[in-house]
PDB file of N, CA and C in Angstrom:
ATOM      1  N   ASN A   1       0.832  -1.195   0.000  1.00  0.00           N
ATOM      2  CA  ASN A   1       0.000   0.000   0.000  1.00  0.00           C
ATOM      3  C   ASN A   1       0.871   1.251   0.000  1.00  0.00           C
ATOM      4  N   GLN A   2       0.341   2.280  -0.587  1.00  0.00           N
ATOM      5  CA  GLN A   2       1.030   3.559  -0.597  1.00  0.00           C
ATOM      6  C   GLN A   2       0.082   4.644  -0.115  1.00  0.00           C
ATOM      7  N   TYR A   3       0.662   5.631   0.566  1.00  0.00           N
ATOM      8  CA  TYR A   3      -0.119   6.692   1.185  1.00  0.00           C
ATOM      9  C   TYR A   3       0.539   8.036   0.924  1.00  0.00           C
ATOM     10  N   ARG A   4      -0.253   9.102   1.002  1.00  0.00           N
ATOM     11  CA  ARG A   4       0.255  10.461   0.805  1.00  0.00           C
ATOM     12  C   ARG A   4       0.383  11.153   2.160  1.00  0.00           C
ATOM     13  N   CYS A   5       1.554  11.700   2.427  1.00  0.00           N
ATOM     14  CA  CYS A   5       1.798  12.451   3.657  1.00  0.00           C
ATOM     15  C   CYS A   5       0.940  13.718   3.645  1.00  0.00           C
ATOM     16  N   ALA A   6       0.252  13.970   4.744  1.00  0.00           N
ATOM     17  CA  ALA A   6      -0.614  15.147   4.841  1.00  0.00           C
ATOM     18  C   ALA A   6       0.180  16.444   4.883  1.00  0.00           C
ATOM     19  N   SER A   7       1.466  16.367   5.186  1.00  0.00           N
ATOM     20  CA  SER A   7       2.277  17.571   5.292  1.00  0.00           C
ATOM     21  C   SER A   7       3.032  17.873   3.996  1.00  0.00           C
ATOM     22  N   CYS A   8       3.907  16.949   3.594  1.00  0.00           N
ATOM     23  CA  CYS A   8       4.752  17.212   2.422  1.00  0.00           C
ATOM     24  C   CYS A   8       4.183  16.668   1.119  1.00  0.00           C
ATOM     25  N   GLN A   9       3.119  15.887   1.212  1.00  0.00           N
ATOM     26  CA  GLN A   9       2.443  15.298   0.058  1.00  0.00           C
ATOM     27  C   GLN A   9       3.225  14.179  -0.636  1.00  0.00           C
ATOM     28  N   LYS A  10       4.338  13.761  -0.046  1.00  0.00           N
ATOM     29  CA  LYS A  10       5.130  12.673  -0.605  1.00  0.00           C
ATOM     30  C   LYS A  10       4.357  11.355  -0.495  1.00  0.00           C
ATOM     31  N   ILE A  11       4.495  10.485  -1.499  1.00  0.00           N
ATOM     32  CA  ILE A  11       3.893   9.162  -1.472  1.00  0.00           C
ATOM     33  C   ILE A  11       4.861   8.214  -0.764  1.00  0.00           C
ATOM     34  N   VAL A  12       4.373   7.520   0.280  1.00  0.00           N
ATOM     35  CA  VAL A  12       5.224   6.636   1.072  1.00  0.00           C
ATOM     36  C   VAL A  12       4.536   5.285   1.286  1.00  0.00           C
ATOM     37  N   GLY A  13       5.337   4.278   1.607  1.00  0.00           N
ATOM     38  CA  GLY A  13       4.819   2.949   1.896  1.00  0.00           C
ATOM     39  C   GLY A  13       4.508   2.769   3.367  1.00  0.00           C
ATOM     40  N   ASN A  14       3.997   1.582   3.708  1.00  0.00           N
ATOM     41  CA  ASN A  14       3.591   1.272   5.087  1.00  0.00           C
ATOM     42  C   ASN A  14       4.686   1.531   6.110  1.00  0.00           C
ATOM     43  N   GLN A  15       5.914   1.193   5.787  1.00  0.00           N
ATOM     44  CA  GLN A  15       7.010   1.308   6.738  1.00  0.00           C
ATOM     45  C   GLN A  15       7.426   2.750   7.003  1.00  0.00           C
ATOM     46  N   GLU A  16       6.935   3.673   6.223  1.00  0.00           N
ATOM     47  CA  GLU A  16       7.322   5.085   6.346  1.00  0.00           C
ATOM     48  C   GLU A  16       6.178   5.970   6.821  1.00  0.00           C
ATOM     49  N   THR A  17       5.160   5.385   7.448  1.00  0.00           N
ATOM     50  CA  THR A  17       3.989   6.160   7.842  1.00  0.00           C
ATOM     51  C   THR A  17       3.834   6.223   9.361  1.00  0.00           C
ATOM     52  N   HIS A  18       3.271   7.315   9.810  1.00  0.00           N
ATOM     53  CA  HIS A  18       2.913   7.513  11.215  1.00  0.00           C
ATOM     54  C   HIS A  18       1.538   8.160  11.246  1.00  0.00           C
ATOM     55  N   ILE A  19       0.699   7.718  12.154  1.00  0.00           N
ATOM     56  CA  ILE A  19      -0.593   8.359  12.363  1.00  0.00           C
ATOM     57  C   ILE A  19      -0.393   9.365  13.488  1.00  0.00           C
ATOM     58  N   ASP A  20      -0.712  10.614  13.206  1.00  0.00           N
ATOM     59  CA  ASP A  20      -0.434  11.717  14.123  1.00  0.00           C
ATOM     60  C   ASP A  20      -1.728  12.382  14.547  1.00  0.00           C
ATOM     61  N   HIS A  21      -1.832  12.699  15.833  1.00  0.00           N
ATOM     62  CA  HIS A  21      -2.965  13.505  16.315  1.00  0.00           C
ATOM     63  C   HIS A  21      -2.792  14.916  15.755  1.00  0.00           C
ATOM     64  N   ILE A  22      -3.809  15.450  15.130  1.00  0.00           N
ATOM     65  CA  ILE A  22      -3.743  16.823  14.620  1.00  0.00           C
ATOM     66  C   ILE A  22      -3.583  17.790  15.798  1.00  0.00           C
ATOM     67  N   GLN A  23      -4.377  17.580  16.834  1.00  0.00           N
ATOM     68  CA  GLN A  23      -4.239  18.358  18.063  1.00  0.00           C
ATOM     69  C   GLN A  23      -3.419  17.489  19.019  1.00  0.00           C
ATOM     70  N   PRO A  24      -2.226  17.919  19.418  1.00  0.00           N
ATOM     71  CA  PRO A  24      -1.376  17.086  20.270  1.00  0.00           C
ATOM     72  C   PRO A  24      -2.107  16.615  21.528  1.00  0.00           C
ATOM     73  N   VAL A  25      -1.827  15.395  21.957  1.00  0.00           N
ATOM     74  CA  VAL A  25      -2.470  14.835  23.143  1.00  0.00           C
ATOM     75  C   VAL A  25      -2.113  15.670  24.369  1.00  0.00           C
ATOM     76  N   VAL A  26      -0.858  16.056  24.491  1.00  0.00           N
ATOM     77  CA  VAL A  26      -0.427  16.966  25.558  1.00  0.00           C
ATOM     78  C   VAL A  26      -0.107  18.297  24.889  1.00  0.00           C
ATOM     79  N   ASP A  27      -0.823  19.332  25.286  1.00  0.00           N
ATOM     80  CA  ASP A  27      -0.624  20.654  24.696  1.00  0.00           C
ATOM     81  C   ASP A  27       0.820  21.095  24.895  1.00  0.00           C
ATOM     82  N   PRO A  28       1.545  21.397  23.806  1.00  0.00           N
ATOM     83  CA  PRO A  28       2.951  21.768  23.950  1.00  0.00           C
ATOM     84  C   PRO A  28       3.176  23.075  24.710  1.00  0.00           C
ATOM     85  N   VAL A  29       2.197  23.949  24.751  1.00  0.00           N
ATOM     86  CA  VAL A  29       2.347  25.224  25.451  1.00  0.00           C
ATOM     87  C   VAL A  29       2.003  25.072  26.932  1.00  0.00           C
ATOM     88  N   ARG A  30       0.872  24.441  27.219  1.00  0.00           N
ATOM     89  CA  ARG A  30       0.402  24.333  28.607  1.00  0.00           C
ATOM     90  C   ARG A  30       0.907  23.082  29.316  1.00  0.00           C
ATOM     91  N   GLY A  31       1.342  22.080  28.560  1.00  0.00           N
ATOM     92  CA  GLY A  31       1.777  20.830  29.163  1.00  0.00           C
ATOM     93  C   GLY A  31       0.591  19.989  29.608  1.00  0.00           C
ATOM     94  N   PHE A  32       0.860  19.033  30.464  1.00  0.00           N
ATOM     95  CA  PHE A  32      -0.173  18.130  30.980  1.00  0.00           C
ATOM     96  C   PHE A  32      -1.095  18.907  31.907  1.00  0.00           C
ATOM     97  N   CYS A  33      -2.401  18.870  31.622  1.00  0.00           N
ATOM     98  CA  CYS A  33      -3.365  19.653  32.407  1.00  0.00           C
ATOM     99  C   CYS A  33      -4.397  18.782  33.113  1.00  0.00           C
ATOM    100  N   GLY A  34      -4.143  17.504  33.195  1.00  0.00           N
ATOM    101  CA  GLY A  34      -5.075  16.617  33.894  1.00  0.00           C
ATOM    102  C   GLY A  34      -5.535  15.471  33.010  1.00  0.00           C
ATOM    103  N   TRP A  35      -5.971  14.411  33.676  1.00  0.00           N
ATOM    104  CA  TRP A  35      -6.351  13.209  32.954  1.00  0.00           C
ATOM    105  C   TRP A  35      -7.583  13.392  32.094  1.00  0.00           C
ATOM    106  N   ASP A  36      -8.545  14.190  32.523  1.00  0.00           N
ATOM    107  CA  ASP A  36      -9.757  14.386  31.722  1.00  0.00           C
ATOM    108  C   ASP A  36      -9.415  14.969  30.353  1.00  0.00           C
ATOM    109  N   GLU A  37      -8.607  16.011  30.344  1.00  0.00           N
ATOM    110  CA  GLU A  37      -8.202  16.621  29.075  1.00  0.00           C
ATOM    111  C   GLU A  37      -7.346  15.665  28.254  1.00  0.00           C
ATOM    112  N   TYR A  38      -6.446  14.956  28.917  1.00  0.00           N
ATOM    113  CA  TYR A  38      -5.567  14.006  28.231  1.00  0.00           C
ATOM    114  C   TYR A  38      -6.386  12.946  27.494  1.00  0.00           C
ATOM    115  N   VAL A  39      -7.335  12.338  28.187  1.00  0.00           N
ATOM    116  CA  VAL A  39      -8.161  11.289  27.587  1.00  0.00           C
ATOM    117  C   VAL A  39      -9.013  11.859  26.456  1.00  0.00           C
ATOM    118  N   GLN A  40      -9.563  13.048  26.648  1.00  0.00           N
ATOM    119  CA  GLN A  40     -10.388  13.680  25.608  1.00  0.00           C
ATOM    120  C   GLN A  40      -9.560  13.933  24.346  1.00  0.00           C
ATOM    121  N   ARG A  41      -8.326  14.347  24.498  1.00  0.00           N
ATOM    122  CA  ARG A  41      -7.475  14.638  23.349  1.00  0.00           C
ATOM    123  C   ARG A  41      -6.889  13.372  22.739  1.00  0.00           C
ATOM    124  N   LEU A  42      -6.759  12.311  23.546  1.00  0.00           N
ATOM    125  CA  LEU A  42      -6.208  11.049  23.057  1.00  0.00           C
ATOM    126  C   LEU A  42      -7.208  10.306  22.170  1.00  0.00           C
ATOM    127  N   PHE A  43      -8.440  10.216  22.626  1.00  0.00           N
ATOM    128  CA  PHE A  43      -9.468   9.464  21.905  1.00  0.00           C
ATOM    129  C   PHE A  43     -10.320  10.409  21.077  1.00  0.00           C
ATOM    130  N   VAL A  44      -9.934  10.593  19.827  1.00  0.00           N
ATOM    131  CA  VAL A  44     -10.643  11.492  18.911  1.00  0.00           C
ATOM    132  C   VAL A  44     -11.210  10.695  17.747  1.00  0.00           C
ATOM    133  N   GLU A  45     -12.112  11.309  17.017  1.00  0.00           N
ATOM    134  CA  GLU A  45     -12.673  10.688  15.818  1.00  0.00           C
ATOM    135  C   GLU A  45     -11.588  10.605  14.748  1.00  0.00           C
ATOM    136  N   ALA A  46     -11.878   9.874  13.687  1.00  0.00           N
ATOM    137  CA  ALA A  46     -10.904   9.666  12.606  1.00  0.00           C
ATOM    138  C   ALA A  46     -10.397  10.981  12.023  1.00  0.00           C
ATOM    139  N   ASP A  47     -11.240  12.015  11.988  1.00  0.00           N
ATOM    140  CA  ASP A  47     -10.810  13.291  11.409  1.00  0.00           C
ATOM    141  C   ASP A  47      -9.873  14.068  12.342  1.00  0.00           C
ATOM    142  N   GLY A  48      -9.580  13.523  13.508  1.00  0.00           N
ATOM    143  CA  GLY A  48      -8.631  14.135  14.429  1.00  0.00           C
ATOM    144  C   GLY A  48      -7.208  13.625  14.225  1.00  0.00           C
ATOM    145  N   PHE A  49      -7.046  12.743  13.228  1.00  0.00           N
ATOM    146  CA  PHE A  49      -5.732  12.181  12.917  1.00  0.00           C
ATOM    147  C   PHE A  49      -5.312  12.577  11.515  1.00  0.00           C
ATOM    148  N   ARG A  50      -4.025  12.477  11.265  1.00  0.00           N
ATOM    149  CA  ARG A  50      -3.505  12.669   9.917  1.00  0.00           C
ATOM    150  C   ARG A  50      -2.360  11.681   9.718  1.00  0.00           C
ATOM    151  N   LEU A  51      -2.125  11.309   8.488  1.00  0.00           N
ATOM    152  CA  LEU A  51      -1.029  10.418   8.163  1.00  0.00           C
ATOM    153  C   LEU A  51       0.168  11.259   7.770  1.00  0.00           C
ATOM    154  N   LEU A  52       1.296  11.024   8.426  1.00  0.00           N
ATOM    155  CA  LEU A  52       2.525  11.741   8.115  1.00  0.00           C
ATOM    156  C   LEU A  52       3.616  10.738   7.760  1.00  0.00           C
ATOM    157  N   CYS A  53       4.525  11.148   6.904  1.00  0.00           N
ATOM    158  CA  CYS A  53       5.699  10.327   6.626  1.00  0.00           C
ATOM    159  C   CYS A  53       6.622  10.410   7.844  1.00  0.00           C
ATOM    160  N   THR A  54       7.573   9.508   7.902  1.00  0.00           N
ATOM    161  CA  THR A  54       8.497   9.460   9.036  1.00  0.00           C
ATOM    162  C   THR A  54       9.220  10.787   9.244  1.00  0.00           C
ATOM    163  N   VAL A  55       9.676  11.391   8.165  1.00  0.00           N
ATOM    164  CA  VAL A  55      10.419  12.653   8.267  1.00  0.00           C
ATOM    165  C   VAL A  55       9.532  13.766   8.834  1.00  0.00           C
ATOM    166  N   CYS A  56       8.340  13.931   8.290  1.00  0.00           N
ATOM    167  CA  CYS A  56       7.445  14.990   8.770  1.00  0.00           C
ATOM    168  C   CYS A  56       7.019  14.744  10.215  1.00  0.00           C
ATOM    169  N   HIS A  57       6.760  13.479  10.571  1.00  0.00           N
ATOM    170  CA  HIS A  57       6.370  13.177  11.941  1.00  0.00           C
ATOM    171  C   HIS A  57       7.491  13.536  12.907  1.00  0.00           C
ATOM    172  N   SER A  58       8.726  13.236  12.530  1.00  0.00           N
ATOM    173  CA  SER A  58       9.871  13.602  13.369  1.00  0.00           C
ATOM    174  C   SER A  58       9.979  15.110  13.530  1.00  0.00           C
ATOM    175  N   GLU A  59       9.736  15.845  12.452  1.00  0.00           N
ATOM    176  CA  GLU A  59       9.810  17.309  12.501  1.00  0.00           C
ATOM    177  C   GLU A  59       8.719  17.878  13.404  1.00  0.00           C
ATOM    178  N   VAL A  60       7.500  17.355  13.292  1.00  0.00           N
ATOM    179  CA  VAL A  60       6.389  17.822  14.130  1.00  0.00           C
ATOM    180  C   VAL A  60       6.683  17.520  15.595  1.00  0.00           C
ATOM    181  N   THR A  61       7.137  16.314  15.869  1.00  0.00           N
ATOM    182  CA  THR A  61       7.457  15.915  17.238  1.00  0.00           C
ATOM    183  C   THR A  61       8.553  16.796  17.816  1.00  0.00           C
ATOM    184  N   GLN A  62       9.594  17.051  17.050  1.00  0.00           N
ATOM    185  CA  GLN A  62      10.698  17.894  17.521  1.00  0.00           C
ATOM    186  C   GLN A  62      10.227  19.324  17.777  1.00  0.00           C
ATOM    187  N   ALA A  63       9.400  19.862  16.905  1.00  0.00           N
ATOM    188  CA  ALA A  63       8.882  21.220  17.087  1.00  0.00           C
ATOM    189  C   ALA A  63       8.062  21.311  18.373  1.00  0.00           C
ATOM    190  N   GLN A  64       7.217  20.303  18.633  1.00  0.00           N
ATOM    191  CA  GLN A  64       6.417  20.293  19.858  1.00  0.00           C
ATOM    192  C   GLN A  64       7.315  20.171  21.079  1.00  0.00           C
ATOM    193  N   ARG A  65       8.355  19.369  20.981  1.00  0.00           N
ATOM    194  CA  ARG A  65       9.317  19.203  22.074  1.00  0.00           C
ATOM    195  C   ARG A  65       9.999  20.538  22.390  1.00  0.00           C
ATOM    196  N   GLU A  66      10.373  21.280  21.356  1.00  0.00           N
ATOM    197  CA  GLU A  66      11.021  22.587  21.547  1.00  0.00           C
ATOM    198  C   GLU A  66      10.069  23.580  22.205  1.00  0.00           C
ATOM    199  N   ILE A  67       8.795  23.561  21.811  1.00  0.00           N
ATOM    200  CA  ILE A  67       7.803  24.454  22.416  1.00  0.00           C
ATOM    201  C   ILE A  67       7.655  24.127  23.901  1.00  0.00           C
ATOM    202  N   ARG A  68       7.517  22.834  24.228  1.00  0.00           N
ATOM    203  CA  ARG A  68       7.398  22.426  25.638  1.00  0.00           C
ATOM    204  C   ARG A  68       8.618  22.862  26.436  1.00  0.00           C
ATOM    205  N   LYS A  69       9.801  22.647  25.845  1.00  0.00           N
ATOM    206  CA  LYS A  69      11.055  23.013  26.522  1.00  0.00           C
ATOM    207  C   LYS A  69      11.103  24.515  26.783  1.00  0.00           C
ATOM    208  N   ALA A  70      10.721  25.328  25.799  1.00  0.00           N
ATOM    209  CA  ALA A  70      10.752  26.787  25.944  1.00  0.00           C
ATOM    210  C   ALA A  70       9.753  27.262  26.993  1.00  0.00           C
ATOM    211  N   ASN A  71       8.618  26.576  27.121  1.00  0.00           N
ATOM    212  CA  ASN A  71       7.587  26.995  28.072  1.00  0.00           C
ATOM    213  C   ASN A  71       7.842  26.511  29.490  1.00  0.00           C
ATOM    214  N   LYS A  72       8.795  25.609  29.666  1.00  0.00           N
ATOM    215  CA  LYS A  72       9.160  25.160  31.017  1.00  0.00           C
ATOM    216  C   LYS A  72      10.056  26.153  31.722  1.00  0.00           C
ATOM    217  N   ARG A  73      10.683  27.031  30.946  1.00  0.00           N
ATOM    218  CA  ARG A  73      11.637  28.004  31.510  1.00  0.00           C
ATOM    219  C   ARG A  73      10.963  29.121  32.214  1.00  0.00           C
TER     220      ARG A  73
END
């Protein structure tokens, strides 16, 4: 099977795909705000996800990590 990355539009195979929450499970700015919010953001409908290639998923994850790091200071 082949899929299109929602970010870069590259066509990738099964081994190069990641399913990503469009809205991060833990808000990168506010951090963890409680289990109720965490569960609500974790369990979303299908339209709350996007398919990303490995490269784009790594970039999104790193960007969120940097935001969290900057907001901890």
